[in-house]
Protein backbone atom coordinates (compact mmCIF):
# COMPACT_ATOMS: atom_id res chain seq x y z
CA UNK A 1 0.00 0.00 0.00
CA UNK A 2 1.40 3.40 -0.90
CA UNK A 3 1.02 6.63 1.10
CA UNK A 4 -1.94 7.95 -0.91
CA UNK A 5 -3.85 4.69 -0.61
CA UNK A 6 -3.15 4.69 3.13
CA UNK A 7 -4.47 8.25 3.49
CA UNK A 8 -7.59 7.42 1.46
CA UNK A 9 -8.24 4.37 3.67
CA UNK A 10 -7.81 6.45 6.84
CA UNK A 11 -10.25 9.07 5.53
CA UNK A 12 -12.76 6.38 4.58
CA UNK A 13 -12.55 4.94 8.11
CA UNK A 14 -12.79 8.41 9.65
CA UNK A 15 -16.04 9.06 7.80
CA UNK A 16 -17.42 5.67 8.83
CA UNK A 17 -16.56 5.61 12.52
CA UNK A 18 -16.28 8.17 15.31
CA UNK A 19 -12.81 9.83 15.36
CA UNK A 20 -12.51 9.34 19.13
CA UNK A 21 -12.95 5.58 18.88
CA UNK A 22 -10.14 3.18 18.06
CA UNK A 23 -11.47 0.68 15.51
CA UNK A 24 -9.21 -2.13 14.32
CA UNK A 25 -9.82 -4.42 11.39
CA UNK A 26 -10.41 -8.06 12.30
CA UNK A 27 -10.27 -11.20 10.18
CA UNK A 28 -13.97 -11.87 10.82
CA UNK A 29 -16.52 -11.70 8.02
CA UNK A 30 -19.83 -9.92 8.55
CA UNK A 31 -22.68 -12.45 8.86
CA UNK A 32 -24.90 -10.26 6.63
CA UNK A 33 -22.71 -9.16 3.72
CA UNK A 34 -19.32 -10.92 4.08
CA UNK A 35 -17.27 -7.70 4.48
CA UNK A 36 -14.46 -7.76 7.07
CA UNK A 37 -15.72 -6.25 10.35
CA UNK A 38 -14.03 -3.86 12.80
CA UNK A 39 -13.61 -4.07 16.59
CA UNK A 40 -13.77 -1.01 18.87
CA UNK A 41 -10.83 -1.11 21.31
CA UNK A 42 -11.66 2.20 22.99
CA UNK A 43 -14.78 0.77 24.64
CA UNK A 44 -14.75 -2.31 26.87
CA UNK A 45 -18.04 -3.57 28.24
CA UNK A 46 -17.49 -4.60 31.84
CA UNK A 47 -19.29 -7.91 31.69
CA UNK A 48 -17.62 -11.18 32.59
CA UNK A 49 -15.86 -11.94 30.37
CA UNK A 50 -15.28 -8.47 28.93
CA UNK A 51 -16.93 -7.70 25.59
CA UNK A 52 -16.23 -5.32 22.71
CA UNK A 53 -18.37 -3.69 20.04
CA UNK A 54 -18.03 -5.00 16.48
CA UNK A 55 -19.28 -3.16 13.41
CA UNK A 56 -19.47 -3.71 9.66
CA UNK A 57 -18.33 -0.80 7.47
CA UNK A 58 -20.57 -1.86 4.57
CA UNK A 59 -23.96 -2.70 6.09
CA UNK A 60 -25.80 -1.71 9.30
CA UNK A 61 -24.76 -4.87 11.20
CA UNK A 62 -23.21 -4.34 14.65
CA UNK A 63 -22.89 -6.58 17.68
CA UNK A 64 -21.09 -6.98 20.98
CA UNK A 65 -19.00 -10.03 21.75
CA UNK A 66 -15.83 -11.42 23.32
PDB file of N, CA and C in Angstrom:
ATOM      1  N   UNK A   1       0.851  -1.170   0.000  1.00  0.00           N
ATOM      2  CA  UNK A   1       0.000   0.000   0.000  1.00  0.00           C
ATOM      3  C   UNK A   1       0.901   1.239   0.000  1.00  0.00           C
ATOM      4  N   UNK A   2       0.611   2.170  -0.892  1.00  0.00           N
ATOM      5  CA  UNK A   2       1.397   3.398  -0.903  1.00  0.00           C
ATOM      6  C   UNK A   2       0.762   4.451   0.012  1.00  0.00           C
ATOM      7  N   UNK A   3       1.454   5.587   0.177  1.00  0.00           N
ATOM      8  CA  UNK A   3       1.017   6.629   1.099  1.00  0.00           C
ATOM      9  C   UNK A   3      -0.376   7.161   0.762  1.00  0.00           C
ATOM     10  N   UNK A   4      -0.663   7.378  -0.504  1.00  0.00           N
ATOM     11  CA  UNK A   4      -1.944   7.951  -0.915  1.00  0.00           C
ATOM     12  C   UNK A   4      -3.095   6.972  -0.680  1.00  0.00           C
ATOM     13  N   UNK A   5      -2.839   5.706  -0.913  1.00  0.00           N
ATOM     14  CA  UNK A   5      -3.850   4.690  -0.613  1.00  0.00           C
ATOM     15  C   UNK A   5      -4.108   4.615   0.884  1.00  0.00           C
ATOM     16  N   UNK A   6      -3.025   4.709   1.667  1.00  0.00           N
ATOM     17  CA  UNK A   6      -3.152   4.694   3.125  1.00  0.00           C
ATOM     18  C   UNK A   6      -3.994   5.876   3.607  1.00  0.00           C
ATOM     19  N   UNK A   7      -3.720   7.063   3.098  1.00  0.00           N
ATOM     20  CA  UNK A   7      -4.473   8.253   3.493  1.00  0.00           C
ATOM     21  C   UNK A   7      -5.945   8.137   3.094  1.00  0.00           C
ATOM     22  N   UNK A   8      -6.207   7.608   1.921  1.00  0.00           N
ATOM     23  CA  UNK A   8      -7.589   7.420   1.464  1.00  0.00           C
ATOM     24  C   UNK A   8      -8.322   6.430   2.366  1.00  0.00           C
ATOM     25  N   UNK A   9      -7.645   5.367   2.770  1.00  0.00           N
ATOM     26  CA  UNK A   9      -8.240   4.365   3.666  1.00  0.00           C
ATOM     27  C   UNK A   9      -8.541   4.976   5.032  1.00  0.00           C
ATOM     28  N   UNK A  10      -7.604   5.780   5.555  1.00  0.00           N
ATOM     29  CA  UNK A  10      -7.810   6.446   6.842  1.00  0.00           C
ATOM     30  C   UNK A  10      -9.007   7.397   6.771  1.00  0.00           C
ATOM     31  N   UNK A  11      -9.129   8.133   5.682  1.00  0.00           N
ATOM     32  CA  UNK A  11     -10.250   9.067   5.532  1.00  0.00           C
ATOM     33  C   UNK A  11     -11.568   8.309   5.427  1.00  0.00           C
ATOM     34  N   UNK A  12     -11.566   7.208   4.712  1.00  0.00           N
ATOM     35  CA  UNK A  12     -12.761   6.384   4.584  1.00  0.00           C
ATOM     36  C   UNK A  12     -13.208   5.879   5.954  1.00  0.00           C
ATOM     37  N   UNK A  13     -12.244   5.424   6.769  1.00  0.00           N
ATOM     38  CA  UNK A  13     -12.547   4.944   8.109  1.00  0.00           C
ATOM     39  C   UNK A  13     -13.034   6.087   9.003  1.00  0.00           C
ATOM     40  N   UNK A  14     -12.416   7.255   8.848  1.00  0.00           N
ATOM     41  CA  UNK A  14     -12.795   8.414   9.648  1.00  0.00           C
ATOM     42  C   UNK A  14     -14.245   8.807   9.388  1.00  0.00           C
ATOM     43  N   UNK A  15     -14.661   8.723   8.159  1.00  0.00           N
ATOM     44  CA  UNK A  15     -16.039   9.056   7.804  1.00  0.00           C
ATOM     45  C   UNK A  15     -17.014   8.004   8.318  1.00  0.00           C
ATOM     46  N   UNK A  16     -16.563   6.786   8.453  1.00  0.00           N
ATOM     47  CA  UNK A  16     -17.416   5.673   8.825  1.00  0.00           C
ATOM     48  C   UNK A  16     -17.594   5.545  10.332  1.00  0.00           C
ATOM     49  N   UNK A  17     -16.551   5.802  11.088  1.00  0.00           N
ATOM     50  CA  UNK A  17     -16.561   5.607  12.521  1.00  0.00           C
ATOM     51  C   UNK A  17     -16.224   6.917  13.227  1.00  0.00           C
ATOM     52  N   UNK A  18     -16.581   7.003  14.489  1.00  0.00           N
ATOM     53  CA  UNK A  18     -16.283   8.168  15.307  1.00  0.00           C
ATOM     54  C   UNK A  18     -14.772   8.335  15.450  1.00  0.00           C
ATOM     55  N   UNK A  19     -14.261   9.575  15.273  1.00  0.00           N
ATOM     56  CA  UNK A  19     -12.815   9.825  15.359  1.00  0.00           C
ATOM     57  C   UNK A  19     -12.224   9.492  16.719  1.00  0.00           C
ATOM     58  N   UNK A  20     -13.019   9.587  17.778  1.00  0.00           N
ATOM     59  CA  UNK A  20     -12.508   9.339  19.125  1.00  0.00           C
ATOM     60  C   UNK A  20     -12.388   7.855  19.446  1.00  0.00           C
ATOM     61  N   UNK A  21     -12.997   7.015  18.643  1.00  0.00           N
ATOM     62  CA  UNK A  21     -12.951   5.580  18.877  1.00  0.00           C
ATOM     63  C   UNK A  21     -11.780   4.957  18.129  1.00  0.00           C
ATOM     64  N   UNK A  22     -11.263   3.875  18.689  1.00  0.00           N
ATOM     65  CA  UNK A  22     -10.145   3.177  18.061  1.00  0.00           C
ATOM     66  C   UNK A  22     -10.655   1.864  17.479  1.00  0.00           C
ATOM     67  N   UNK A  23     -10.955   1.865  16.197  1.00  0.00           N
ATOM     68  CA  UNK A  23     -11.471   0.680  15.506  1.00  0.00           C
ATOM     69  C   UNK A  23     -10.313  -0.026  14.818  1.00  0.00           C
ATOM     70  N   UNK A  24     -10.235  -1.338  14.997  1.00  0.00           N
ATOM     71  CA  UNK A  24      -9.212  -2.132  14.321  1.00  0.00           C
ATOM     72  C   UNK A  24      -9.903  -3.181  13.450  1.00  0.00           C
ATOM     73  N   UNK A  25      -9.290  -3.426  12.317  1.00  0.00           N
ATOM     74  CA  UNK A  25      -9.819  -4.419  11.386  1.00  0.00           C
ATOM     75  C   UNK A  25      -9.561  -5.815  11.940  1.00  0.00           C
ATOM     76  N   UNK A  26     -10.571  -6.678  11.855  1.00  0.00           N
ATOM     77  CA  UNK A  26     -10.414  -8.055  12.299  1.00  0.00           C
ATOM     78  C   UNK A  26     -10.271  -8.958  11.070  1.00  0.00           C
ATOM     79  N   UNK A  27     -10.261 -10.237  11.287  1.00  0.00           N
ATOM     80  CA  UNK A  27     -10.272 -11.199  10.181  1.00  0.00           C
ATOM     81  C   UNK A  27     -11.629 -11.870  10.078  1.00  0.00           C
ATOM     82  N   UNK A  28     -12.629 -11.287  10.740  1.00  0.00           N
ATOM     83  CA  UNK A  28     -13.972 -11.873  10.820  1.00  0.00           C
ATOM     84  C   UNK A  28     -14.853 -11.292   9.729  1.00  0.00           C
ATOM     85  N   UNK A  29     -15.599 -12.149   9.056  1.00  0.00           N
ATOM     86  CA  UNK A  29     -16.522 -11.701   8.022  1.00  0.00           C
ATOM     87  C   UNK A  29     -17.876 -11.358   8.633  1.00  0.00           C
ATOM     88  N   UNK A  30     -18.492 -10.319   8.120  1.00  0.00           N
ATOM     89  CA  UNK A  30     -19.825  -9.917   8.554  1.00  0.00           C
ATOM     90  C   UNK A  30     -20.820 -11.030   8.213  1.00  0.00           C
ATOM     91  N   UNK A  31     -21.699 -11.406   9.146  1.00  0.00           N
ATOM     92  CA  UNK A  31     -22.676 -12.454   8.864  1.00  0.00           C
ATOM     93  C   UNK A  31     -23.731 -12.043   7.844  1.00  0.00           C
ATOM     94  N   UNK A  32     -23.895 -10.730   7.612  1.00  0.00           N
ATOM     95  CA  UNK A  32     -24.896 -10.257   6.635  1.00  0.00           C
ATOM     96  C   UNK A  32     -24.343 -10.144   5.222  1.00  0.00           C
ATOM     97  N   UNK A  33     -23.177  -9.478   5.080  1.00  0.00           N
ATOM     98  CA  UNK A  33     -22.707  -9.157   3.724  1.00  0.00           C
ATOM     99  C   UNK A  33     -21.342  -9.750   3.382  1.00  0.00           C
ATOM    100  N   UNK A  34     -20.616 -10.296   4.363  1.00  0.00           N
ATOM    101  CA  UNK A  34     -19.323 -10.922   4.082  1.00  0.00           C
ATOM    102  C   UNK A  34     -18.138  -9.974   4.142  1.00  0.00           C
ATOM    103  N   UNK A  35     -18.362  -8.674   4.352  1.00  0.00           N
ATOM    104  CA  UNK A  35     -17.274  -7.697   4.476  1.00  0.00           C
ATOM    105  C   UNK A  35     -16.526  -7.952   5.794  1.00  0.00           C
ATOM    106  N   UNK A  36     -15.245  -7.620   5.840  1.00  0.00           N
ATOM    107  CA  UNK A  36     -14.465  -7.758   7.072  1.00  0.00           C
ATOM    108  C   UNK A  36     -14.955  -6.720   8.079  1.00  0.00           C
ATOM    109  N   UNK A  37     -15.178  -7.155   9.340  1.00  0.00           N
ATOM    110  CA  UNK A  37     -15.723  -6.252  10.352  1.00  0.00           C
ATOM    111  C   UNK A  37     -14.611  -5.638  11.195  1.00  0.00           C
ATOM    112  N   UNK A  38     -14.958  -4.585  11.944  1.00  0.00           N
ATOM    113  CA  UNK A  38     -14.032  -3.862  12.804  1.00  0.00           C
ATOM    114  C   UNK A  38     -14.430  -4.027  14.265  1.00  0.00           C
ATOM    115  N   UNK A  39     -13.427  -3.932  15.148  1.00  0.00           N
ATOM    116  CA  UNK A  39     -13.613  -4.067  16.592  1.00  0.00           C
ATOM    117  C   UNK A  39     -13.208  -2.752  17.261  1.00  0.00           C
ATOM    118  N   UNK A  40     -14.037  -2.251  18.168  1.00  0.00           N
ATOM    119  CA  UNK A  40     -13.766  -1.006  18.874  1.00  0.00           C
ATOM    120  C   UNK A  40     -12.954  -1.302  20.137  1.00  0.00           C
ATOM    121  N   UNK A  41     -11.690  -0.874  20.155  1.00  0.00           N
ATOM    122  CA  UNK A  41     -10.826  -1.112  21.313  1.00  0.00           C
ATOM    123  C   UNK A  41     -10.916  -0.007  22.358  1.00  0.00           C
ATOM    124  N   UNK A  42     -11.585   1.095  22.039  1.00  0.00           N
ATOM    125  CA  UNK A  42     -11.665   2.203  22.989  1.00  0.00           C
ATOM    126  C   UNK A  42     -12.822   2.041  23.964  1.00  0.00           C
ATOM    127  N   UNK A  43     -13.645   1.018  23.763  1.00  0.00           N
ATOM    128  CA  UNK A  43     -14.785   0.770  24.640  1.00  0.00           C
ATOM    129  C   UNK A  43     -14.788  -0.697  25.049  1.00  0.00           C
ATOM    130  N   UNK A  44     -14.701  -0.944  26.351  1.00  0.00           N
ATOM    131  CA  UNK A  44     -14.747  -2.309  26.870  1.00  0.00           C
ATOM    132  C   UNK A  44     -15.978  -2.419  27.754  1.00  0.00           C
ATOM    133  N   UNK A  45     -16.855  -3.349  27.431  1.00  0.00           N
ATOM    134  CA  UNK A  45     -18.042  -3.572  28.245  1.00  0.00           C
ATOM    135  C   UNK A  45     -17.633  -4.421  29.446  1.00  0.00           C
ATOM    136  N   UNK A  46     -17.989  -3.973  30.620  1.00  0.00           N
ATOM    137  CA  UNK A  46     -17.487  -4.604  31.839  1.00  0.00           C
ATOM    138  C   UNK A  46     -18.340  -5.789  32.285  1.00  0.00           C
ATOM    139  N   UNK A  47     -18.619  -6.644  31.370  1.00  0.00           N
ATOM    140  CA  UNK A  47     -19.289  -7.907  31.687  1.00  0.00           C
ATOM    141  C   UNK A  47     -18.200  -8.923  32.032  1.00  0.00           C
ATOM    142  N   UNK A  48     -18.611 -10.128  32.369  1.00  0.00           N
ATOM    143  CA  UNK A  48     -17.620 -11.176  32.588  1.00  0.00           C
ATOM    144  C   UNK A  48     -17.940 -12.342  31.670  1.00  0.00           C
ATOM    145  N   UNK A  49     -17.094 -12.641  30.725  1.00  0.00           N
ATOM    146  CA  UNK A  49     -15.864 -11.944  30.374  1.00  0.00           C
ATOM    147  C   UNK A  49     -16.157 -10.617  29.662  1.00  0.00           C
ATOM    148  N   UNK A  50     -15.155  -9.769  29.588  1.00  0.00           N
ATOM    149  CA  UNK A  50     -15.285  -8.465  28.930  1.00  0.00           C
ATOM    150  C   UNK A  50     -15.709  -8.637  27.473  1.00  0.00           C
ATOM    151  N   UNK A  51     -16.471  -7.662  26.974  1.00  0.00           N
ATOM    152  CA  UNK A  51     -16.929  -7.698  25.591  1.00  0.00           C
ATOM    153  C   UNK A  51     -16.554  -6.401  24.881  1.00  0.00           C
ATOM    154  N   UNK A  52     -16.544  -6.467  23.559  1.00  0.00           N
ATOM    155  CA  UNK A  52     -16.229  -5.324  22.709  1.00  0.00           C
ATOM    156  C   UNK A  52     -17.351  -5.140  21.700  1.00  0.00           C
ATOM    157  N   UNK A  53     -17.381  -3.966  21.086  1.00  0.00           N
ATOM    158  CA  UNK A  53     -18.366  -3.687  20.045  1.00  0.00           C
ATOM    159  C   UNK A  53     -17.731  -3.978  18.686  1.00  0.00           C
ATOM    160  N   UNK A  54     -18.458  -4.683  17.840  1.00  0.00           N
ATOM    161  CA  UNK A  54     -18.031  -5.003  16.485  1.00  0.00           C
ATOM    162  C   UNK A  54     -18.988  -4.325  15.516  1.00  0.00           C
ATOM    163  N   UNK A  55     -18.456  -3.903  14.361  1.00  0.00           N
ATOM    164  CA  UNK A  55     -19.277  -3.158  13.408  1.00  0.00           C
ATOM    165  C   UNK A  55     -18.808  -3.437  11.987  1.00  0.00           C
ATOM    166  N   UNK A  56     -19.774  -3.523  11.075  1.00  0.00           N
ATOM    167  CA  UNK A  56     -19.468  -3.715   9.660  1.00  0.00           C
ATOM    168  C   UNK A  56     -19.438  -2.349   8.970  1.00  0.00           C
ATOM    169  N   UNK A  57     -18.416  -2.083   8.156  1.00  0.00           N
ATOM    170  CA  UNK A  57     -18.334  -0.803   7.465  1.00  0.00           C
ATOM    171  C   UNK A  57     -19.254  -0.710   6.243  1.00  0.00           C
ATOM    172  N   UNK A  58     -19.792  -1.847   5.806  1.00  0.00           N
ATOM    173  CA  UNK A  58     -20.570  -1.859   4.567  1.00  0.00           C
ATOM    174  C   UNK A  58     -22.083  -1.871   4.810  1.00  0.00           C
ATOM    175  N   UNK A  59     -22.529  -2.582   5.823  1.00  0.00           N
ATOM    176  CA  UNK A  59     -23.964  -2.696   6.094  1.00  0.00           C
ATOM    177  C   UNK A  59     -24.247  -2.255   7.537  1.00  0.00           C
ATOM    178  N   UNK A  60     -25.491  -2.193   7.956  1.00  0.00           N
ATOM    179  CA  UNK A  60     -25.796  -1.705   9.304  1.00  0.00           C
ATOM    180  C   UNK A  60     -25.535  -2.700  10.436  1.00  0.00           C
ATOM    181  N   UNK A  61     -24.982  -3.872  10.163  1.00  0.00           N
ATOM    182  CA  UNK A  61     -24.755  -4.872  11.204  1.00  0.00           C
ATOM    183  C   UNK A  61     -23.778  -4.358  12.257  1.00  0.00           C
ATOM    184  N   UNK A  62     -24.117  -4.556  13.526  1.00  0.00           N
ATOM    185  CA  UNK A  62     -23.206  -4.336  14.646  1.00  0.00           C
ATOM    186  C   UNK A  62     -23.608  -5.238  15.788  1.00  0.00           C
ATOM    187  N   UNK A  63     -22.643  -5.606  16.619  1.00  0.00           N
ATOM    188  CA  UNK A  63     -22.890  -6.580  17.677  1.00  0.00           C
ATOM    189  C   UNK A  63     -21.815  -6.443  18.742  1.00  0.00           C
ATOM    190  N   UNK A  64     -22.125  -6.898  19.953  1.00  0.00           N
ATOM    191  CA  UNK A  64     -21.092  -6.983  20.976  1.00  0.00           C
ATOM    192  C   UNK A  64     -20.705  -8.445  21.134  1.00  0.00           C
ATOM    193  N   UNK A  65     -19.471  -8.659  21.559  1.00  0.00           N
ATOM    194  CA  UNK A  65     -18.998 -10.026  21.753  1.00  0.00           C
ATOM    195  C   UNK A  65     -17.625 -10.042  22.391  1.00  0.00           C
ATOM    196  N   UNK A  66     -17.107 -11.229  22.619  1.00  0.00           N
ATOM    197  CA  UNK A  66     -15.826 -11.416  23.320  1.00  0.00           C
ATOM    198  C   UNK A  66     -14.673 -11.114  22.416  1.00  0.00           C
TER     199      UNK A  66
END
